[in-house]
Amino acid sequence: MLMLGMEDGLIAFVWVATVVSALGCVVFGGFMWNRGGDDSK
């Protein structure tokens, strides 16, 4: 990760974890978007 200016391995790990977490949220939201629910009254 030295190409991105991250000299410390911990900083690179946190950066990658943040990106993976954001992608996980998008995937989870996509799966749950049209999940059947009884919203009608």
N, C-alpha and C. Protein backbone atom coordinates (compact mmCIF):
# COMPACT_ATOMS: atom_id res chain seq x y z
N MET A 1 0.82 -1.20 0.00
CA MET A 1 0.00 0.00 0.00
C MET A 1 0.86 1.26 0.00
N LEU A 2 2.13 1.07 -0.19
CA LEU A 2 3.03 2.23 -0.21
C LEU A 2 2.72 3.15 -1.38
N MET A 3 2.14 2.58 -2.45
CA MET A 3 1.79 3.40 -3.62
C MET A 3 0.73 4.45 -3.27
N LEU A 4 -0.12 4.15 -2.29
CA LEU A 4 -1.18 5.08 -1.90
C LEU A 4 -0.74 6.03 -0.80
N GLY A 5 0.53 5.98 -0.44
CA GLY A 5 1.05 6.86 0.59
C GLY A 5 0.81 6.35 1.99
N MET A 6 0.51 5.07 2.13
CA MET A 6 0.27 4.49 3.44
C MET A 6 1.50 3.70 3.85
N GLU A 7 2.31 4.29 4.69
CA GLU A 7 3.54 3.63 5.10
C GLU A 7 3.32 2.64 6.23
N ASP A 8 2.30 2.87 7.05
CA ASP A 8 2.03 2.01 8.19
C ASP A 8 1.00 0.95 7.80
N GLY A 9 1.27 -0.29 8.13
CA GLY A 9 0.37 -1.38 7.78
C GLY A 9 -0.98 -1.27 8.46
N LEU A 10 -1.01 -0.73 9.67
CA LEU A 10 -2.27 -0.58 10.39
C LEU A 10 -3.19 0.42 9.68
N ILE A 11 -2.64 1.50 9.18
CA ILE A 11 -3.43 2.49 8.45
C ILE A 11 -4.01 1.86 7.18
N ALA A 12 -3.22 1.08 6.48
CA ALA A 12 -3.70 0.40 5.27
C ALA A 12 -4.81 -0.58 5.62
N PHE A 13 -4.67 -1.31 6.73
CA PHE A 13 -5.70 -2.25 7.15
C PHE A 13 -7.01 -1.53 7.47
N VAL A 14 -6.93 -0.44 8.19
CA VAL A 14 -8.14 0.31 8.55
C VAL A 14 -8.80 0.88 7.30
N TRP A 15 -8.01 1.35 6.35
CA TRP A 15 -8.56 1.89 5.11
C TRP A 15 -9.29 0.80 4.33
N VAL A 16 -8.67 -0.36 4.21
CA VAL A 16 -9.30 -1.48 3.50
C VAL A 16 -10.54 -1.94 4.24
N ALA A 17 -10.50 -2.00 5.57
CA ALA A 17 -11.66 -2.40 6.35
C ALA A 17 -12.82 -1.43 6.16
N THR A 18 -12.52 -0.14 6.04
CA THR A 18 -13.57 0.85 5.82
C THR A 18 -14.23 0.66 4.46
N VAL A 19 -13.44 0.42 3.44
CA VAL A 19 -13.99 0.22 2.10
C VAL A 19 -14.81 -1.07 2.05
N VAL A 20 -14.31 -2.14 2.65
CA VAL A 20 -15.04 -3.41 2.66
C VAL A 20 -16.35 -3.26 3.44
N SER A 21 -16.31 -2.52 4.52
CA SER A 21 -17.53 -2.29 5.32
C SER A 21 -18.57 -1.52 4.51
N ALA A 22 -18.13 -0.50 3.80
CA ALA A 22 -19.07 0.28 2.97
C ALA A 22 -19.68 -0.59 1.88
N LEU A 23 -18.86 -1.41 1.24
CA LEU A 23 -19.38 -2.31 0.21
C LEU A 23 -20.34 -3.33 0.80
N GLY A 24 -20.03 -3.81 1.99
CA GLY A 24 -20.92 -4.74 2.67
C GLY A 24 -22.27 -4.11 2.97
N CYS A 25 -22.27 -2.85 3.36
CA CYS A 25 -23.53 -2.15 3.63
C CYS A 25 -24.35 -2.00 2.36
N VAL A 26 -23.70 -1.71 1.25
CA VAL A 26 -24.42 -1.58 -0.03
C VAL A 26 -25.02 -2.92 -0.44
N VAL A 27 -24.25 -4.00 -0.30
CA VAL A 27 -24.75 -5.32 -0.66
C VAL A 27 -25.91 -5.72 0.25
N PHE A 28 -25.77 -5.50 1.54
CA PHE A 28 -26.83 -5.83 2.49
C PHE A 28 -28.10 -5.02 2.18
N GLY A 29 -27.93 -3.75 1.90
CA GLY A 29 -29.08 -2.91 1.55
C GLY A 29 -29.76 -3.37 0.27
N GLY A 30 -28.97 -3.82 -0.68
CA GLY A 30 -29.54 -4.33 -1.93
C GLY A 30 -30.36 -5.58 -1.71
N PHE A 31 -29.88 -6.46 -0.84
CA PHE A 31 -30.64 -7.68 -0.55
C PHE A 31 -31.91 -7.38 0.24
N MET A 32 -31.86 -6.42 1.11
CA MET A 32 -32.99 -6.12 1.98
C MET A 32 -33.98 -5.13 1.36
N TRP A 33 -33.63 -4.55 0.22
CA TRP A 33 -34.43 -3.48 -0.39
C TRP A 33 -35.87 -3.92 -0.64
N ASN A 34 -36.03 -5.02 -1.33
CA ASN A 34 -37.36 -5.48 -1.72
C ASN A 34 -37.79 -6.71 -0.93
N ARG A 35 -37.30 -6.84 0.25
CA ARG A 35 -37.69 -7.96 1.09
C ARG A 35 -39.14 -7.72 1.54
N GLY A 36 -39.94 -8.73 1.37
CA GLY A 36 -41.36 -8.59 1.66
C GLY A 36 -41.64 -8.16 3.08
N GLY A 37 -42.49 -7.18 3.21
CA GLY A 37 -42.89 -6.71 4.52
C GLY A 37 -44.33 -6.25 4.45
N ASP A 38 -45.00 -6.31 5.56
CA ASP A 38 -46.41 -5.91 5.58
C ASP A 38 -46.51 -4.46 6.06
N ASP A 39 -46.37 -3.53 5.12
CA ASP A 39 -46.44 -2.11 5.45
C ASP A 39 -47.84 -1.54 5.28
N SER A 40 -48.75 -2.30 4.67
CA SER A 40 -50.09 -1.78 4.44
C SER A 40 -50.93 -1.88 5.71
N LYS A 41 -51.84 -0.94 5.85
CA LYS A 41 -52.69 -0.92 7.05
C LYS A 41 -54.12 -1.18 6.70
